Amino acid sequence: MKRPLLIALGAAVALPVLALLTFAMPVQVWRTGELAAPPLPLETGGPEVAMPRRVWIDTDAACGHAGDADADDCFALLLLLRAPDLEVAGISIVHGNAPADDAEKIVRELAARARQDQVPPVHRGAAGQGPPAAHGPRPRCAKRWRPVR
């Protein structure tokens, strides 16, 4: 009588533990078919690397263009433009989250507001979408993304 009870109790404890251990297993191939990214090699005791003082920003800023537009590019642009120890050599705009015309207007306005004393040059790049990537088009917005079945 005690033995079946001990077996049932052991199984009740072991199964959740085994289920939790599966989270620690590395993923070799994701459901999308992409391979897992290898970890970045870290060099300890290597030479000290200085942060760049002069940067070029390439963006497809779309904040304010649509209600579901990402604000991440605009936020990064403002942080870089306002950084006291950084010189923005120029900004290029490409078609992406918004048409290139709209993105250019957005970036010019942000640059003028962030750096009223010295606005970096703004250049427009590709006005349309390039060829699709090897794995197919990427979702433009997480709300519209649907998993492949």
Foldseek 3Di string as FASTA:
>chain_A
DVVVVVVVVVCVVVVVVVVVVVVVDDDQADPLRDGDDDDDDDDPPDDDDDDDQEEEAEEAACVPVDPQQDRVSVVVLLVQLQDPRHHYQEYEHEHALHFQVNSQVVSQVSQCVSCVPDRHYYYYDYRDDDDADPSGHDDSGPVPDDDDD
